[in-house]
Structures are given as C-alpha cells and as structure tokens.
Amino acid sequence: GIGKVYAQLGDFDQAEKHYRESLKITSSKKYQTFLEVAEFYLNFNKLTIAKTYANKAIDDLIQCDEKPLIMRAYDILAQIHKHEKQYEIALECTSKVIEYDKLIHQEKTSNKLMALAIKHKVESALKETEYERLKNIELNKKNIQLEEKQKIISTIQIIGKELTLTLDTKKIVDNVCTNLFN
C-alpha cells in the first residue's frame, strides 16, 4: 500500500500515518496489514510497537491457519527479540519458524502424494474401462459369429426337413430290404 511506499522512501511520518489509516479501514485479513506494520516498525527500530503488531498478526493467522504468514510473523518476532538481545526468545521464535516450515513441507508432500494416489486411481479406472470396452468388442464379435452359425444350422435344419418330406419312404424301405436280404 501507500504506507509501504513511504516507508521505502524513508518518510516515517507519512508511512505511519497511512498504516494507521489502513488499520482503521481494513476489515478482513487484518493480519496482512498487521504484518506490514510490524515490519515497518521493525525497520525503523520501533521494536515494542513492532512486537505488538507481530503478535496481533500471529493471533489472527493462527485462527486462519495461514502457515506461510505465521512463519513470516514469527520471523519478524525473532528479529525483534534479537535486536532486544533476548536471544532465548529469538531462538524460540526461530524454532517456530522452522516448525511451521516443516508443517508447510509436510502438507505439500501429503498433497502431492494424495494427488498421485488420485491420479493412479483415475488411470487404473481408465485402464479398466478400456479393458471392459475391448472385452465387449470381442464378445460382440463372438456373438455375431455365433448368430451366423445358428442361422446356418437353422437353414440346414429347414433344408433337411424339406428333403425328408419330399422323399418316397416306401421306395427307400423296399430298396433297403432288397439289398439286405439279397
């Protein structure tokens, strides 16, 4: 925002004025403004007020579970405590930075693993679908061949019946008897 520009220009009073106005009008995601204000005061060596805003940012950020920004806020606090020569507290804050960094990386790794598992399931389902499709094509071909053979058999049966009906059975029996007994 405008406060950040004035801070970069080194105009402390104007930067502070705009940051205060920003805090008044910001309703959602105040933690971002708190972080900027904390960094601003840290850069101008106003450590007590910087610490206040860094802690406000952390309080809001923990509720929102904004791990990267929580990490940044703890880093600001670590720098403040280092300037105040409160090295143990600075170390605790740095430990929090490391803790949140690990959590972020664990979440990223977990998300990547989940994405890979989902991708694997999708690919497996697609392969299974393709297998079933190919199997159905093969079954359809076999069914068509079977139907063609059934038509041929039906046709042969019909021809057989028609041939049997046209035969002179008395003449056939006489011939068989003659040939058997002679």
N, C-alpha and C. Protein backbone atom coordinates (compact mmCIF):
# COMPACT_ATOMS: atom_id res chain seq x y z
N GLY A 1 0.79 -1.17 0.00
CA GLY A 1 0.00 0.00 0.00
C GLY A 1 0.85 1.26 0.00
N ILE A 2 0.21 2.36 0.24
CA ILE A 2 0.85 3.67 0.23
C ILE A 2 1.85 3.77 1.38
N GLY A 3 1.50 3.21 2.54
CA GLY A 3 2.41 3.23 3.68
C GLY A 3 3.73 2.56 3.35
N LYS A 4 3.67 1.47 2.63
CA LYS A 4 4.89 0.75 2.24
C LYS A 4 5.77 1.60 1.33
N VAL A 5 5.13 2.34 0.42
CA VAL A 5 5.88 3.21 -0.50
C VAL A 5 6.60 4.30 0.30
N TYR A 6 5.87 4.94 1.22
CA TYR A 6 6.51 5.97 2.05
C TYR A 6 7.63 5.38 2.91
N ALA A 7 7.42 4.18 3.40
CA ALA A 7 8.46 3.53 4.21
C ALA A 7 9.71 3.29 3.36
N GLN A 8 9.52 2.86 2.11
CA GLN A 8 10.66 2.63 1.22
C GLN A 8 11.37 3.94 0.89
N LEU A 9 10.62 5.02 0.87
CA LEU A 9 11.22 6.34 0.63
C LEU A 9 11.89 6.90 1.88
N GLY A 10 11.64 6.23 3.02
CA GLY A 10 12.25 6.68 4.28
C GLY A 10 11.46 7.74 5.01
N ASP A 11 10.22 8.00 4.56
CA ASP A 11 9.37 9.00 5.20
C ASP A 11 8.54 8.31 6.29
N PHE A 12 9.11 8.25 7.48
CA PHE A 12 8.50 7.53 8.59
C PHE A 12 7.11 8.08 8.93
N ASP A 13 6.99 9.40 9.05
CA ASP A 13 5.72 10.00 9.48
C ASP A 13 4.58 9.72 8.50
N GLN A 14 4.84 9.91 7.22
CA GLN A 14 3.80 9.65 6.22
C GLN A 14 3.46 8.15 6.17
N ALA A 15 4.47 7.31 6.25
CA ALA A 15 4.24 5.87 6.22
C ALA A 15 3.38 5.45 7.41
N GLU A 16 3.74 5.95 8.58
CA GLU A 16 2.99 5.60 9.81
C GLU A 16 1.55 6.08 9.69
N LYS A 17 1.37 7.30 9.17
CA LYS A 17 0.02 7.87 9.00
C LYS A 17 -0.83 6.95 8.11
N HIS A 18 -0.27 6.50 6.99
CA HIS A 18 -1.04 5.66 6.06
C HIS A 18 -1.27 4.25 6.63
N TYR A 19 -0.30 3.74 7.37
CA TYR A 19 -0.52 2.43 8.00
C TYR A 19 -1.63 2.51 9.03
N ARG A 20 -1.65 3.58 9.81
CA ARG A 20 -2.72 3.74 10.82
C ARG A 20 -4.09 3.84 10.13
N GLU A 21 -4.16 4.58 9.02
CA GLU A 21 -5.42 4.69 8.27
C GLU A 21 -5.82 3.32 7.72
N SER A 22 -4.84 2.59 7.24
CA SER A 22 -5.11 1.26 6.70
C SER A 22 -5.66 0.34 7.77
N LEU A 23 -5.13 0.43 8.98
CA LEU A 23 -5.63 -0.40 10.08
C LEU A 23 -7.07 -0.05 10.43
N LYS A 24 -7.43 1.22 10.28
CA LYS A 24 -8.81 1.65 10.60
C LYS A 24 -9.81 1.11 9.59
N ILE A 25 -9.42 1.10 8.31
CA ILE A 25 -10.39 0.73 7.27
C ILE A 25 -10.36 -0.75 6.90
N THR A 26 -9.31 -1.45 7.27
CA THR A 26 -9.22 -2.86 6.91
C THR A 26 -10.15 -3.66 7.81
N SER A 27 -11.04 -4.43 7.18
CA SER A 27 -11.98 -5.22 7.98
C SER A 27 -11.64 -6.71 7.93
N SER A 28 -11.28 -7.20 6.74
CA SER A 28 -10.94 -8.61 6.63
C SER A 28 -9.44 -8.74 6.36
N LYS A 29 -8.91 -9.85 6.75
CA LYS A 29 -7.48 -10.14 6.56
C LYS A 29 -6.61 -9.04 7.15
N LYS A 30 -6.95 -8.61 8.37
CA LYS A 30 -6.15 -7.59 9.03
C LYS A 30 -4.74 -8.07 9.27
N TYR A 31 -4.58 -9.39 9.35
CA TYR A 31 -3.25 -9.94 9.64
C TYR A 31 -2.22 -9.49 8.62
N GLN A 32 -2.63 -9.29 7.37
CA GLN A 32 -1.67 -8.82 6.35
C GLN A 32 -1.20 -7.40 6.69
N THR A 33 -2.14 -6.57 7.11
CA THR A 33 -1.77 -5.21 7.50
C THR A 33 -0.93 -5.24 8.77
N PHE A 34 -1.31 -6.09 9.72
CA PHE A 34 -0.52 -6.22 10.95
C PHE A 34 0.93 -6.59 10.63
N LEU A 35 1.11 -7.53 9.68
CA LEU A 35 2.46 -7.94 9.30
C LEU A 35 3.24 -6.78 8.68
N GLU A 36 2.59 -6.06 7.77
CA GLU A 36 3.27 -4.92 7.13
C GLU A 36 3.65 -3.86 8.16
N VAL A 37 2.74 -3.58 9.09
CA VAL A 37 3.00 -2.58 10.12
C VAL A 37 4.13 -3.06 11.03
N ALA A 38 4.13 -4.34 11.39
CA ALA A 38 5.19 -4.89 12.24
C ALA A 38 6.54 -4.76 11.55
N GLU A 39 6.59 -5.10 10.27
CA GLU A 39 7.85 -4.96 9.52
C GLU A 39 8.27 -3.50 9.41
N PHE A 40 7.29 -2.64 9.19
CA PHE A 40 7.57 -1.21 9.10
C PHE A 40 8.24 -0.72 10.38
N TYR A 41 7.61 -1.01 11.53
CA TYR A 41 8.18 -0.54 12.80
C TYR A 41 9.52 -1.22 13.10
N LEU A 42 9.67 -2.46 12.72
CA LEU A 42 10.96 -3.14 12.90
C LEU A 42 12.05 -2.42 12.10
N ASN A 43 11.73 -2.09 10.86
CA ASN A 43 12.72 -1.41 10.01
C ASN A 43 13.13 -0.04 10.54
N PHE A 44 12.23 0.59 11.30
CA PHE A 44 12.55 1.89 11.90
C PHE A 44 12.91 1.76 13.38
N ASN A 45 13.21 0.52 13.77
CA ASN A 45 13.72 0.21 15.12
C ASN A 45 12.74 0.59 16.23
N LYS A 46 11.45 0.55 15.93
CA LYS A 46 10.40 0.77 16.94
C LYS A 46 9.94 -0.61 17.39
N LEU A 47 10.76 -1.25 18.22
CA LEU A 47 10.61 -2.67 18.50
C LEU A 47 9.38 -3.02 19.31
N THR A 48 9.03 -2.22 20.28
CA THR A 48 7.87 -2.54 21.14
C THR A 48 6.59 -2.57 20.33
N ILE A 49 6.38 -1.54 19.53
CA ILE A 49 5.15 -1.49 18.73
C ILE A 49 5.20 -2.54 17.61
N ALA A 50 6.39 -2.80 17.08
CA ALA A 50 6.54 -3.85 16.06
C ALA A 50 6.14 -5.20 16.65
N LYS A 51 6.57 -5.44 17.87
CA LYS A 51 6.24 -6.71 18.56
C LYS A 51 4.73 -6.83 18.76
N THR A 52 4.09 -5.73 19.12
CA THR A 52 2.64 -5.74 19.33
C THR A 52 1.91 -6.17 18.06
N TYR A 53 2.30 -5.57 16.93
CA TYR A 53 1.63 -5.89 15.67
C TYR A 53 1.98 -7.30 15.18
N ALA A 54 3.19 -7.74 15.41
CA ALA A 54 3.56 -9.11 15.02
C ALA A 54 2.73 -10.12 15.81
N ASN A 55 2.55 -9.85 17.10
CA ASN A 55 1.73 -10.76 17.93
C ASN A 55 0.26 -10.72 17.51
N LYS A 56 -0.25 -9.55 17.16
CA LYS A 56 -1.63 -9.46 16.66
C LYS A 56 -1.77 -10.27 15.37
N ALA A 57 -0.77 -10.15 14.52
CA ALA A 57 -0.80 -10.91 13.26
C ALA A 57 -0.83 -12.41 13.54
N ILE A 58 0.02 -12.84 14.46
CA ILE A 58 0.07 -14.28 14.80
C ILE A 58 -1.28 -14.75 15.34
N ASP A 59 -1.87 -13.97 16.23
CA ASP A 59 -3.18 -14.35 16.80
C ASP A 59 -4.21 -14.55 15.70
N ASP A 60 -4.28 -13.61 14.76
CA ASP A 60 -5.25 -13.72 13.65
C ASP A 60 -4.89 -14.87 12.71
N LEU A 61 -3.59 -14.99 12.43
CA LEU A 61 -3.15 -16.01 11.47
C LEU A 61 -3.36 -17.42 11.97
N ILE A 62 -3.17 -17.64 13.24
CA ILE A 62 -3.37 -18.99 13.80
C ILE A 62 -4.84 -19.40 13.63
N GLN A 63 -5.74 -18.44 13.80
CA GLN A 63 -7.17 -18.74 13.61
C GLN A 63 -7.47 -19.08 12.15
N CYS A 64 -6.74 -18.45 11.24
CA CYS A 64 -6.97 -18.68 9.80
C CYS A 64 -6.13 -19.83 9.26
N ASP A 65 -5.17 -20.30 10.06
CA ASP A 65 -4.25 -21.38 9.66
C ASP A 65 -3.46 -21.02 8.40
N GLU A 66 -2.96 -19.80 8.38
CA GLU A 66 -2.14 -19.30 7.27
C GLU A 66 -0.67 -19.54 7.61
N LYS A 67 -0.23 -20.78 7.43
CA LYS A 67 1.11 -21.18 7.88
C LYS A 67 2.26 -20.35 7.31
N PRO A 68 2.29 -20.06 6.00
CA PRO A 68 3.42 -19.26 5.49
C PRO A 68 3.50 -17.87 6.15
N LEU A 69 2.34 -17.27 6.40
CA LEU A 69 2.34 -15.95 7.02
C LEU A 69 2.65 -16.04 8.52
N ILE A 70 2.21 -17.12 9.16
CA ILE A 70 2.57 -17.34 10.57
C ILE A 70 4.09 -17.43 10.69
N MET A 71 4.67 -18.16 9.75
CA MET A 71 6.12 -18.32 9.72
C MET A 71 6.79 -16.94 9.58
N ARG A 72 6.26 -16.12 8.69
CA ARG A 72 6.81 -14.77 8.49
C ARG A 72 6.69 -13.93 9.76
N ALA A 73 5.53 -14.03 10.44
CA ALA A 73 5.32 -13.26 11.68
C ALA A 73 6.30 -13.70 12.76
N TYR A 74 6.51 -15.00 12.89
CA TYR A 74 7.48 -15.48 13.88
C TYR A 74 8.90 -15.05 13.52
N ASP A 75 9.18 -14.96 12.23
CA ASP A 75 10.50 -14.48 11.80
C ASP A 75 10.68 -13.01 12.21
N ILE A 76 9.63 -12.21 12.05
CA ILE A 76 9.68 -10.81 12.49
C ILE A 76 9.92 -10.74 13.99
N LEU A 77 9.19 -11.57 14.74
CA LEU A 77 9.37 -11.59 16.20
C LEU A 77 10.79 -12.01 16.57
N ALA A 78 11.34 -12.98 15.86
CA ALA A 78 12.71 -13.43 16.14
C ALA A 78 13.68 -12.28 15.93
N GLN A 79 13.49 -11.53 14.85
CA GLN A 79 14.37 -10.37 14.58
C GLN A 79 14.24 -9.31 15.67
N ILE A 80 13.01 -9.06 16.11
CA ILE A 80 12.77 -8.08 17.17
C ILE A 80 13.51 -8.49 18.44
N HIS A 81 13.31 -9.76 18.84
CA HIS A 81 13.94 -10.24 20.08
C HIS A 81 15.46 -10.27 19.95
N LYS A 82 15.94 -10.52 18.77
CA LYS A 82 17.40 -10.49 18.55
C LYS A 82 17.93 -9.06 18.75
N HIS A 83 17.21 -8.06 18.19
CA HIS A 83 17.60 -6.66 18.39
C HIS A 83 17.54 -6.27 19.86
N GLU A 84 16.60 -6.85 20.58
CA GLU A 84 16.46 -6.56 22.02
C GLU A 84 17.42 -7.38 22.87
N LYS A 85 18.24 -8.19 22.20
CA LYS A 85 19.21 -9.08 22.85
C LYS A 85 18.52 -10.11 23.75
N GLN A 86 17.30 -10.47 23.40
CA GLN A 86 16.56 -11.54 24.08
C GLN A 86 16.73 -12.79 23.23
N TYR A 87 17.91 -13.37 23.30
CA TYR A 87 18.30 -14.42 22.38
C TYR A 87 17.51 -15.72 22.58
N GLU A 88 17.16 -16.02 23.83
CA GLU A 88 16.39 -17.25 24.05
C GLU A 88 15.01 -17.15 23.40
N ILE A 89 14.38 -16.00 23.56
CA ILE A 89 13.05 -15.81 22.94
C ILE A 89 13.19 -15.77 21.43
N ALA A 90 14.27 -15.15 20.94
CA ALA A 90 14.52 -15.13 19.49
C ALA A 90 14.69 -16.55 18.98
N LEU A 91 15.40 -17.38 19.76
CA LEU A 91 15.59 -18.78 19.37
C LEU A 91 14.25 -19.53 19.36
N GLU A 92 13.41 -19.27 20.35
CA GLU A 92 12.08 -19.90 20.38
C GLU A 92 11.27 -19.51 19.14
N CYS A 93 11.33 -18.24 18.78
CA CYS A 93 10.61 -17.78 17.59
C CYS A 93 11.17 -18.42 16.33
N THR A 94 12.49 -18.53 16.28
CA THR A 94 13.12 -19.18 15.13
C THR A 94 12.72 -20.65 15.07
N SER A 95 12.60 -21.29 16.23
CA SER A 95 12.13 -22.69 16.27
C SER A 95 10.71 -22.79 15.71
N LYS A 96 9.88 -21.80 16.02
CA LYS A 96 8.52 -21.78 15.47
C LYS A 96 8.55 -21.63 13.95
N VAL A 97 9.48 -20.79 13.47
CA VAL A 97 9.63 -20.63 12.02
C VAL A 97 9.95 -21.98 11.39
N ILE A 98 10.90 -22.68 11.99
CA ILE A 98 11.30 -24.00 11.48
C ILE A 98 10.14 -24.99 11.57
N GLU A 99 9.42 -24.96 12.69
CA GLU A 99 8.27 -25.86 12.88
C GLU A 99 7.22 -25.64 11.80
N TYR A 100 6.89 -24.37 11.54
CA TYR A 100 5.89 -24.08 10.51
C TYR A 100 6.41 -24.41 9.11
N ASP A 101 7.71 -24.21 8.90
CA ASP A 101 8.31 -24.58 7.62
C ASP A 101 8.15 -26.09 7.38
N LYS A 102 8.41 -26.87 8.43
CA LYS A 102 8.24 -28.32 8.31
C LYS A 102 6.79 -28.68 8.03
N LEU A 103 5.87 -28.04 8.74
CA LEU A 103 4.44 -28.31 8.53
C LEU A 103 4.03 -28.00 7.08
N ILE A 104 4.54 -26.88 6.58
CA ILE A 104 4.21 -26.49 5.20
C ILE A 104 4.72 -27.55 4.23
N HIS A 105 5.97 -27.99 4.45
CA HIS A 105 6.54 -29.00 3.55
C HIS A 105 5.82 -30.34 3.69
N GLN A 106 5.42 -30.69 4.92
CA GLN A 106 4.67 -31.93 5.11
C GLN A 106 3.34 -31.87 4.39
N GLU A 107 2.66 -30.73 4.48
CA GLU A 107 1.37 -30.58 3.79
C GLU A 107 1.55 -30.65 2.28
N LYS A 108 2.60 -30.01 1.78
CA LYS A 108 2.86 -30.06 0.34
C LYS A 108 3.13 -31.49 -0.09
N THR A 109 3.96 -32.20 0.69
CA THR A 109 4.27 -33.59 0.37
C THR A 109 3.02 -34.45 0.44
N SER A 110 2.24 -34.25 1.47
CA SER A 110 1.00 -35.01 1.63
C SER A 110 0.05 -34.73 0.46
N ASN A 111 -0.06 -33.47 0.07
CA ASN A 111 -0.92 -33.10 -1.06
C ASN A 111 -0.42 -33.73 -2.36
N LYS A 112 0.91 -33.75 -2.54
CA LYS A 112 1.45 -34.37 -3.75
C LYS A 112 1.17 -35.86 -3.75
N LEU A 113 1.34 -36.51 -2.59
CA LEU A 113 1.06 -37.95 -2.50
C LEU A 113 -0.41 -38.23 -2.77
N MET A 114 -1.27 -37.38 -2.22
CA MET A 114 -2.70 -37.55 -2.44
C MET A 114 -3.03 -37.38 -3.93
N ALA A 115 -2.42 -36.39 -4.54
CA ALA A 115 -2.65 -36.15 -5.97
C ALA A 115 -2.17 -37.34 -6.80
N LEU A 116 -1.02 -37.90 -6.42
CA LEU A 116 -0.52 -39.07 -7.13
C LEU A 116 -1.45 -40.27 -6.94
N ALA A 117 -1.95 -40.45 -5.73
CA ALA A 117 -2.87 -41.56 -5.47
C ALA A 117 -4.14 -41.40 -6.30
N ILE A 118 -4.66 -40.19 -6.36
CA ILE A 118 -5.87 -39.93 -7.15
C ILE A 118 -5.58 -40.17 -8.62
N LYS A 119 -4.43 -39.68 -9.08
CA LYS A 119 -4.05 -39.88 -10.48
C LYS A 119 -3.95 -41.37 -10.80
N HIS A 120 -3.36 -42.13 -9.87
CA HIS A 120 -3.24 -43.58 -10.06
C HIS A 120 -4.62 -44.24 -10.15
N LYS A 121 -5.53 -43.84 -9.26
CA LYS A 121 -6.88 -44.41 -9.28
C LYS A 121 -7.59 -44.08 -10.59
N VAL A 122 -7.43 -42.85 -11.04
CA VAL A 122 -8.08 -42.44 -12.30
C VAL A 122 -7.51 -43.24 -13.46
N GLU A 123 -6.17 -43.36 -13.50
CA GLU A 123 -5.54 -44.12 -14.58
C GLU A 123 -5.96 -45.59 -14.53
N SER A 124 -6.04 -46.16 -13.33
CA SER A 124 -6.48 -47.55 -13.20
C SER A 124 -7.92 -47.71 -13.68
N ALA A 125 -8.77 -46.76 -13.30
CA ALA A 125 -10.17 -46.82 -13.73
C ALA A 125 -10.27 -46.69 -15.26
N LEU A 126 -9.45 -45.83 -15.83
CA LEU A 126 -9.46 -45.68 -17.29
C LEU A 126 -8.98 -46.96 -17.98
N LYS A 127 -7.95 -47.59 -17.43
CA LYS A 127 -7.46 -48.85 -18.00
C LYS A 127 -8.52 -49.93 -17.88
N GLU A 128 -9.18 -49.99 -16.74
CA GLU A 128 -10.24 -50.99 -16.53
C GLU A 128 -11.38 -50.75 -17.51
N THR A 129 -11.74 -49.49 -17.70
CA THR A 129 -12.80 -49.15 -18.64
C THR A 129 -12.41 -49.55 -20.06
N GLU A 130 -11.16 -49.29 -20.43
CA GLU A 130 -10.68 -49.66 -21.76
C GLU A 130 -10.67 -51.17 -21.92
N TYR A 131 -10.24 -51.88 -20.88
CA TYR A 131 -10.24 -53.35 -20.92
C TYR A 131 -11.66 -53.87 -21.13
N GLU A 132 -12.61 -53.34 -20.36
CA GLU A 132 -14.01 -53.76 -20.49
C GLU A 132 -14.55 -53.43 -21.88
N ARG A 133 -14.17 -52.27 -22.42
CA ARG A 133 -14.62 -51.88 -23.75
C ARG A 133 -14.10 -52.87 -24.80
N LEU A 134 -12.80 -53.20 -24.69
CA LEU A 134 -12.21 -54.15 -25.65
C LEU A 134 -12.83 -55.54 -25.49
N LYS A 135 -13.07 -55.93 -24.25
CA LYS A 135 -13.70 -57.22 -23.98
C LYS A 135 -15.10 -57.25 -24.59
N ASN A 136 -15.83 -56.17 -24.46
CA ASN A 136 -17.17 -56.10 -25.05
C ASN A 136 -17.13 -56.16 -26.56
N ILE A 137 -16.14 -55.52 -27.16
CA ILE A 137 -15.99 -55.59 -28.61
C ILE A 137 -15.75 -57.03 -29.03
N GLU A 138 -14.86 -57.71 -28.33
CA GLU A 138 -14.54 -59.12 -28.64
C GLU A 138 -15.77 -60.00 -28.44
N LEU A 139 -16.50 -59.78 -27.35
CA LEU A 139 -17.72 -60.56 -27.10
C LEU A 139 -18.77 -60.30 -28.18
N ASN A 140 -18.88 -59.06 -28.60
CA ASN A 140 -19.83 -58.73 -29.68
C ASN A 140 -19.46 -59.46 -30.97
N LYS A 141 -18.16 -59.52 -31.28
CA LYS A 141 -17.71 -60.25 -32.48
C LYS A 141 -18.07 -61.72 -32.36
N LYS A 142 -17.82 -62.32 -31.20
CA LYS A 142 -18.14 -63.74 -30.98
C LYS A 142 -19.64 -63.97 -31.08
N ASN A 143 -20.44 -63.05 -30.53
CA ASN A 143 -21.90 -63.17 -30.61
C ASN A 143 -22.36 -63.12 -32.06
N ILE A 144 -21.78 -62.23 -32.84
CA ILE A 144 -22.14 -62.12 -34.26
C ILE A 144 -21.79 -63.42 -34.98
N GLN A 145 -20.60 -63.97 -34.71
CA GLN A 145 -20.19 -65.24 -35.33
C GLN A 145 -21.13 -66.37 -34.92
N LEU A 146 -21.50 -66.40 -33.65
CA LEU A 146 -22.41 -67.43 -33.14
C LEU A 146 -23.78 -67.31 -33.79
N GLU A 147 -24.27 -66.09 -33.93
CA GLU A 147 -25.57 -65.88 -34.58
C GLU A 147 -25.53 -66.34 -36.04
N GLU A 148 -24.40 -66.07 -36.73
CA GLU A 148 -24.26 -66.50 -38.12
C GLU A 148 -24.28 -68.03 -38.21
N LYS A 149 -23.60 -68.70 -37.28
CA LYS A 149 -23.58 -70.18 -37.27
C LYS A 149 -24.96 -70.73 -36.95
N GLN A 150 -25.68 -70.07 -36.03
CA GLN A 150 -27.03 -70.51 -35.70
C GLN A 150 -27.96 -70.37 -36.92
N LYS A 151 -27.77 -69.31 -37.69
CA LYS A 151 -28.57 -69.12 -38.91
C LYS A 151 -28.28 -70.25 -39.90
N ILE A 152 -27.00 -70.61 -40.04
CA ILE A 152 -26.62 -71.69 -40.96
C ILE A 152 -27.25 -73.01 -40.51
N ILE A 153 -27.15 -73.28 -39.18
CA ILE A 153 -27.74 -74.53 -38.65
C ILE A 153 -29.24 -74.53 -38.86
N SER A 154 -29.90 -73.42 -38.60
CA SER A 154 -31.35 -73.34 -38.82
C SER A 154 -31.69 -73.57 -40.28
N THR A 155 -30.89 -73.01 -41.17
CA THR A 155 -31.12 -73.19 -42.60
C THR A 155 -30.96 -74.66 -42.98
N ILE A 156 -29.90 -75.30 -42.45
CA ILE A 156 -29.67 -76.74 -42.74
C ILE A 156 -30.83 -77.57 -42.21
N GLN A 157 -31.33 -77.23 -41.01
CA GLN A 157 -32.46 -77.98 -40.45
C GLN A 157 -33.70 -77.85 -41.34
N ILE A 158 -33.94 -76.65 -41.80
CA ILE A 158 -35.10 -76.43 -42.67
C ILE A 158 -34.95 -77.23 -43.96
N ILE A 159 -33.74 -77.21 -44.54
CA ILE A 159 -33.49 -77.96 -45.78
C ILE A 159 -33.66 -79.46 -45.50
N GLY A 160 -33.15 -79.91 -44.36
CA GLY A 160 -33.28 -81.32 -44.00
C GLY A 160 -34.74 -81.75 -43.89
N LYS A 161 -35.54 -80.92 -43.25
CA LYS A 161 -36.96 -81.23 -43.12
C LYS A 161 -37.63 -81.27 -44.49
N GLU A 162 -37.31 -80.32 -45.32
CA GLU A 162 -37.91 -80.27 -46.66
C GLU A 162 -37.49 -81.49 -47.48
N LEU A 163 -36.22 -81.92 -47.36
CA LEU A 163 -35.75 -83.10 -48.08
C LEU A 163 -36.47 -84.35 -47.58
N THR A 164 -36.61 -84.43 -46.28
CA THR A 164 -37.27 -85.60 -45.71
C THR A 164 -38.72 -85.67 -46.16
N LEU A 165 -39.40 -84.58 -46.28
CA LEU A 165 -40.78 -84.55 -46.70
C LEU A 165 -40.93 -84.95 -48.17
N THR A 166 -39.94 -84.69 -48.97
CA THR A 166 -40.04 -84.99 -50.41
C THR A 166 -39.59 -86.40 -50.75
N LEU A 167 -39.06 -87.14 -49.86
CA LEU A 167 -38.59 -88.50 -50.14
C LEU A 167 -39.76 -89.50 -50.18
N ASP A 168 -39.58 -90.48 -51.03
CA ASP A 168 -40.56 -91.57 -51.10
C ASP A 168 -40.08 -92.64 -50.14
N THR A 169 -40.62 -92.68 -48.96
CA THR A 169 -40.14 -93.58 -47.92
C THR A 169 -40.43 -95.06 -48.24
N LYS A 170 -41.53 -95.37 -48.91
CA LYS A 170 -41.83 -96.78 -49.26
C LYS A 170 -40.77 -97.31 -50.19
N LYS A 171 -40.38 -96.55 -51.18
CA LYS A 171 -39.37 -96.97 -52.14
C LYS A 171 -38.03 -97.15 -51.43
N ILE A 172 -37.69 -96.25 -50.51
CA ILE A 172 -36.42 -96.33 -49.78
C ILE A 172 -36.41 -97.59 -48.92
N VAL A 173 -37.48 -97.91 -48.24
CA VAL A 173 -37.56 -99.10 -47.38
C VAL A 173 -37.46 -100.37 -48.24
N ASP A 174 -38.13 -100.40 -49.38
CA ASP A 174 -38.05 -101.55 -50.28
C ASP A 174 -36.63 -101.76 -50.75
N ASN A 175 -35.97 -100.72 -51.15
CA ASN A 175 -34.57 -100.81 -51.59
C ASN A 175 -33.68 -101.34 -50.47
N VAL A 176 -33.86 -100.84 -49.27
CA VAL A 176 -33.03 -101.29 -48.15
C VAL A 176 -33.29 -102.77 -47.91
N CYS A 177 -34.53 -103.18 -47.90
CA CYS A 177 -34.86 -104.58 -47.65
C CYS A 177 -34.31 -105.49 -48.74
N THR A 178 -34.44 -105.07 -49.95
CA THR A 178 -33.96 -105.85 -51.09
C THR A 178 -32.47 -106.02 -50.96
N ASN A 179 -31.79 -104.97 -50.71
CA ASN A 179 -30.33 -105.05 -50.63
C ASN A 179 -29.84 -105.81 -49.40
N LEU A 180 -30.57 -105.80 -48.37
CA LEU A 180 -30.15 -106.52 -47.16
C LEU A 180 -30.38 -108.00 -47.28
N PHE A 181 -31.49 -108.39 -47.89
CA PHE A 181 -31.84 -109.82 -47.92
C PHE A 181 -31.34 -110.52 -49.16
N ASN A 182 -30.82 -109.85 -50.08
CA ASN A 182 -30.29 -110.49 -51.29
C ASN A 182 -28.84 -110.63 -51.23
